[in-house]
Protein backbone atom coordinates (compact mmCIF):
# COMPACT_ATOMS: atom_id res chain seq x y z
CA MET A 1 -2.52 -0.25 -7.60
CA THR A 2 -3.91 1.12 -4.62
CA ALA A 3 -5.27 4.38 -5.01
CA SER A 4 -5.38 5.30 -1.28
CA PRO A 5 -4.15 2.44 0.78
CA SER A 6 -5.00 2.11 4.53
CA PRO A 7 -5.72 -0.18 7.55
CA GLU A 8 -7.90 -2.79 7.19
CA PRO A 9 -9.91 -3.16 10.26
CA THR A 10 -12.29 -5.55 11.01
CA GLY A 11 -15.53 -4.04 8.99
CA ARG A 12 -13.82 -1.95 6.36
CA VAL A 13 -15.18 -0.80 3.68
CA LEU A 14 -13.83 -1.40 -0.09
CA VAL A 15 -14.34 0.96 -3.06
CA ALA A 16 -13.26 -0.53 -6.17
CA GLY A 17 -12.94 0.69 -9.47
CA ILE A 18 -13.50 -1.66 -12.43
CA GLY A 19 -12.98 -1.17 -16.09
CA ASN A 20 -11.09 -0.87 -18.82
CA ILE A 21 -8.78 2.25 -19.43
CA PHE A 22 -8.68 1.06 -23.62
CA LEU A 23 -12.42 0.75 -23.87
CA GLY A 24 -13.65 4.79 -23.88
CA ASP A 25 -15.76 5.20 -21.07
CA ASP A 26 -15.47 1.74 -19.59
CA GLY A 27 -12.67 3.68 -18.06
CA PHE A 28 -15.15 5.61 -15.69
CA GLY A 29 -14.79 3.71 -12.41
CA VAL A 30 -10.77 3.49 -12.78
CA GLU A 31 -11.07 7.13 -13.33
CA VAL A 32 -13.60 8.00 -10.13
CA VAL A 33 -11.11 6.23 -7.79
CA GLN A 34 -8.04 7.65 -8.97
CA ARG A 35 -9.93 11.08 -8.59
CA LEU A 36 -10.84 9.66 -4.62
CA ALA A 37 -7.34 9.65 -4.06
CA ARG A 38 -7.21 13.32 -3.47
CA HIS A 39 -9.47 12.85 -0.78
CA PRO A 40 -8.52 12.08 2.88
CA LEU A 41 -11.07 8.47 3.15
CA PRO A 42 -11.95 7.25 6.53
CA GLU A 43 -9.53 4.65 8.31
CA HIS A 44 -11.63 2.04 7.87
CA ALA A 45 -11.74 2.60 4.17
CA GLN A 46 -9.87 1.45 1.28
CA ALA A 47 -9.88 2.14 -2.55
CA LEU A 48 -8.57 0.22 -5.39
CA ASP A 49 -7.95 0.82 -8.82
CA ILE A 50 -8.95 -2.59 -9.86
CA GLY A 51 -9.57 -2.67 -13.79
CA VAL A 52 -10.31 -6.04 -15.13
CA ARG A 53 -8.78 -7.98 -12.36
CA GLY A 54 -12.20 -9.17 -11.36
CA VAL A 55 -10.35 -12.08 -9.69
CA HIS A 56 -8.18 -10.10 -7.74
CA LEU A 57 -11.01 -7.73 -6.31
CA ALA A 58 -12.94 -11.10 -5.51
CA TYR A 59 -9.99 -12.45 -3.38
CA GLN A 60 -9.97 -8.88 -1.24
CA VAL A 61 -13.49 -9.48 -0.78
CA LEU A 62 -13.52 -12.90 0.60
CA ASP A 63 -10.35 -11.37 3.37
CA GLY A 64 -13.07 -9.42 4.76
CA CYS A 65 -14.88 -6.59 4.19
CA ASP A 66 -18.22 -4.96 5.75
CA THR A 67 -19.55 -2.74 2.72
CA LEU A 68 -18.42 -3.15 -0.80
CA ILE A 69 -19.10 -0.28 -3.22
CA MET A 70 -18.27 -0.63 -7.10
CA VAL A 71 -17.85 1.87 -9.36
CA ASP A 72 -18.41 1.32 -13.22
CA ALA A 73 -19.98 2.06 -16.48
CA VAL A 74 -23.35 0.65 -16.32
CA GLN A 75 -26.07 0.65 -19.34
CA ARG A 76 -29.35 1.29 -18.64
CA GLY A 77 -30.93 3.03 -21.30
CA GLY A 78 -30.23 6.43 -19.63
CA ALA A 79 -28.76 9.97 -21.14
CA PRO A 80 -25.07 8.99 -20.79
CA GLY A 81 -23.06 10.48 -17.91
CA THR A 82 -26.53 9.93 -15.64
CA VAL A 83 -25.13 8.56 -12.35
CA ARG A 84 -26.84 6.10 -10.26
CA LEU A 85 -26.36 4.18 -6.76
CA ILE A 86 -27.47 1.06 -6.97
CA GLU A 87 -27.83 -1.30 -3.43
CA VAL A 88 -27.61 -5.14 -4.59
CA SER A 89 -29.63 -7.24 -2.69
CA GLU A 90 -28.29 -10.98 -1.21
CA GLN A 91 -30.74 -12.81 -3.66
CA ASP A 92 -29.22 -10.67 -7.01
CA ARG A 93 -25.84 -12.04 -5.32
CA ALA A 94 -26.44 -15.33 -6.04
CA ALA A 95 -24.00 -17.23 -8.10
CA PRO A 96 -25.74 -18.73 -11.19
CA GLU A 97 -25.11 -22.35 -12.44
CA GLY A 98 -21.96 -23.11 -14.10
CA VAL A 99 -18.63 -21.10 -13.94
CA PRO A 100 -18.57 -17.46 -14.44
CA VAL A 101 -16.46 -16.33 -16.98
CA VAL A 102 -13.43 -14.01 -16.30
CA ASP A 103 -12.81 -12.33 -19.07
CA GLY A 104 -9.23 -10.61 -19.60
CA HIS A 105 -10.13 -7.67 -21.37
CA HIS A 106 -13.51 -6.79 -19.59
CA MET A 107 -15.30 -6.97 -16.26
CA SER A 108 -18.45 -5.66 -14.58
CA PRO A 109 -20.37 -5.65 -10.97
CA GLN A 110 -21.96 -9.03 -12.29
CA ALA A 111 -18.98 -11.09 -13.05
CA VAL A 112 -17.53 -9.99 -9.79
CA LEU A 113 -20.19 -11.11 -7.87
CA ALA A 114 -21.05 -14.24 -9.55
CA LEU A 115 -16.87 -15.02 -9.38
CA LEU A 116 -17.14 -13.83 -5.45
CA GLU A 117 -20.39 -16.38 -4.85
CA THR A 118 -18.45 -19.30 -6.62
CA LEU A 119 -15.37 -18.82 -4.40
CA ARG A 120 -17.14 -18.56 -1.19
CA GLU A 121 -19.27 -21.88 -2.26
CA GLY A 122 -15.73 -23.35 -2.91
CA MET A 123 -13.48 -22.16 -0.75
CA GLY A 124 -15.20 -20.30 2.62
CA GLY A 125 -15.30 -16.98 3.21
CA SER A 126 -16.97 -13.95 4.47
CA THR A 127 -19.23 -12.04 1.73
CA PRO A 128 -20.12 -8.48 2.49
CA GLY A 129 -22.96 -7.34 4.17
CA ARG A 130 -24.04 -4.61 1.69
CA VAL A 131 -22.81 -4.24 -2.07
CA PHE A 132 -23.54 -0.70 -3.84
CA VAL A 133 -22.57 -0.32 -7.56
CA VAL A 134 -22.23 3.76 -8.14
CA GLY A 135 -22.77 3.52 -12.47
CA CYS A 136 -22.50 5.91 -14.81
CA GLU A 137 -24.57 5.38 -18.42
CA PRO A 138 -21.54 5.32 -21.00
CA ALA A 139 -21.37 7.51 -24.19
CA GLU A 140 -19.21 5.31 -26.19
CA LEU A 141 -17.28 1.69 -25.46
CA ALA A 142 -15.39 1.59 -28.49
CA GLU A 143 -11.74 1.31 -28.35
CA GLY A 144 -9.81 4.32 -27.51
CA ILE A 145 -8.26 5.75 -24.38
CA GLY A 146 -10.30 8.73 -22.41
CA LEU A 147 -14.03 9.67 -21.62
CA SER A 148 -16.44 11.13 -23.44
CA PRO A 149 -17.61 14.56 -22.35
CA PRO A 150 -20.70 13.66 -20.57
CA VAL A 151 -19.49 10.87 -18.45
CA ALA A 152 -15.87 13.12 -17.71
CA ALA A 153 -18.39 15.31 -16.65
CA ALA A 154 -20.19 12.60 -14.42
CA VAL A 155 -16.77 11.71 -12.65
CA ASP A 156 -16.92 14.22 -10.06
CA GLU A 157 -20.50 13.96 -9.16
CA ALA A 158 -19.95 9.97 -8.95
CA VAL A 159 -16.96 10.96 -6.21
CA GLU A 160 -18.77 12.97 -4.26
CA LEU A 161 -21.86 9.88 -3.82
CA VAL A 162 -19.03 7.71 -2.90
CA LEU A 163 -18.10 9.83 -0.24
CA ARG A 164 -21.23 10.71 1.10
CA LEU A 165 -21.68 6.52 1.43
CA LEU A 166 -18.34 6.90 3.00
CA ALA A 167 -19.19 9.24 5.52
CA ASP A 168 -22.22 7.38 6.61
CA ALA A 169 -20.62 4.14 7.06
CA PRO A 170 -21.49 1.89 9.36
CA ALA A 171 -24.69 3.77 9.53
CA HIS A 172 -25.46 2.83 6.18
CA PRO A 173 -27.53 5.06 3.90
CA SER A 174 -30.31 3.98 1.94
CA PRO A 175 -29.93 4.81 -2.40
CA GLU A 176 -32.96 6.95 -1.42
CA GLU A 177 -31.00 8.97 0.85
CA ALA A 178 -28.11 9.00 -0.58
CA ALA A 179 -29.63 10.53 -3.63
CA ASP A 180 -31.42 13.42 -1.92
CA ALA A 181 -28.52 14.41 -0.61
CA ALA A 182 -27.14 15.04 -3.63
CA PRO A 183 -26.63 18.28 -5.15
CA ASP A 184 -29.64 19.66 -7.08
CA GLY A 185 -29.32 17.84 -10.53
CA ALA A 186 -31.77 16.63 -13.40
CA ALA A 187 -34.82 14.52 -12.01
CA GLU A 188 -33.70 11.81 -14.02
CA ARG A 189 -30.64 11.42 -11.84
CA ARG A 190 -32.63 11.15 -8.69
CA THR A 191 -35.39 8.49 -9.99
CA ALA A 192 -31.85 6.63 -11.77
CA ALA A 193 -30.63 6.41 -8.11
CA ARG A 194 -33.54 4.20 -6.78
CA ASP A 195 -33.00 1.69 -9.08
CA SER A 196 -32.28 -2.30 -8.33
CA GLY A 197 -30.18 -4.68 -10.39
CA VAL A 198 -27.29 -4.48 -12.53
CA ALA A 199 -26.86 -4.38 -16.52
CA ALA A 200 -24.27 -6.21 -18.05
CA LYS A 201 -22.48 -4.08 -20.36
CA GLY A 202 -23.48 -4.09 -23.43
CA ARG A 203 -26.80 -5.62 -22.79
CA PRO A 204 -30.38 -4.63 -22.10
CA SER A 205 -31.01 -3.77 -18.55
CA ALA A 206 -31.84 -6.59 -16.37
CA PRO A 207 -32.00 -7.54 -13.03
CA LEU A 208 -28.44 -8.45 -11.79
């Protein structure tokens, strides 16, 4: 479902909410994108409620996207509710050997990027100049609908972070600049915003 439809000019920015709303905090990205619908977005930006439809997102990106911002629950061993801004390098986007596994119940930025590279190599198409992940440390990923209190409290912070990224495009702020522009908060949040790499859900932190 499109949270905020908009034209798709060259150099557009795509914001994708990723996650399974039936797995607790895994629905964080979907909630953030739905909350974005309450805000006016720049004409060059589009926000999409992707959920677990990673194949759909990959094809959307191949059609042309200058900057991709994925919002998701990302486990990196921090306190639940910790929001991080991660810029994914081109090296970390390289497709692994073999065919990426597409799971109809789970999706992660890591899986989306692997699928995107595999499709690009086989079909052609463009890839984003820059890729960001706005991630939140989950507290609970068991079956159930609804975010835990610390993750629900982090939704507005993530929305503001995405809005700052959109407002600065195409200036492309660095993760450090966006973090420093954030409202005063725990030092851990500002340090976390300088992380690199994305951890797969349910696995120890590791570079993408």
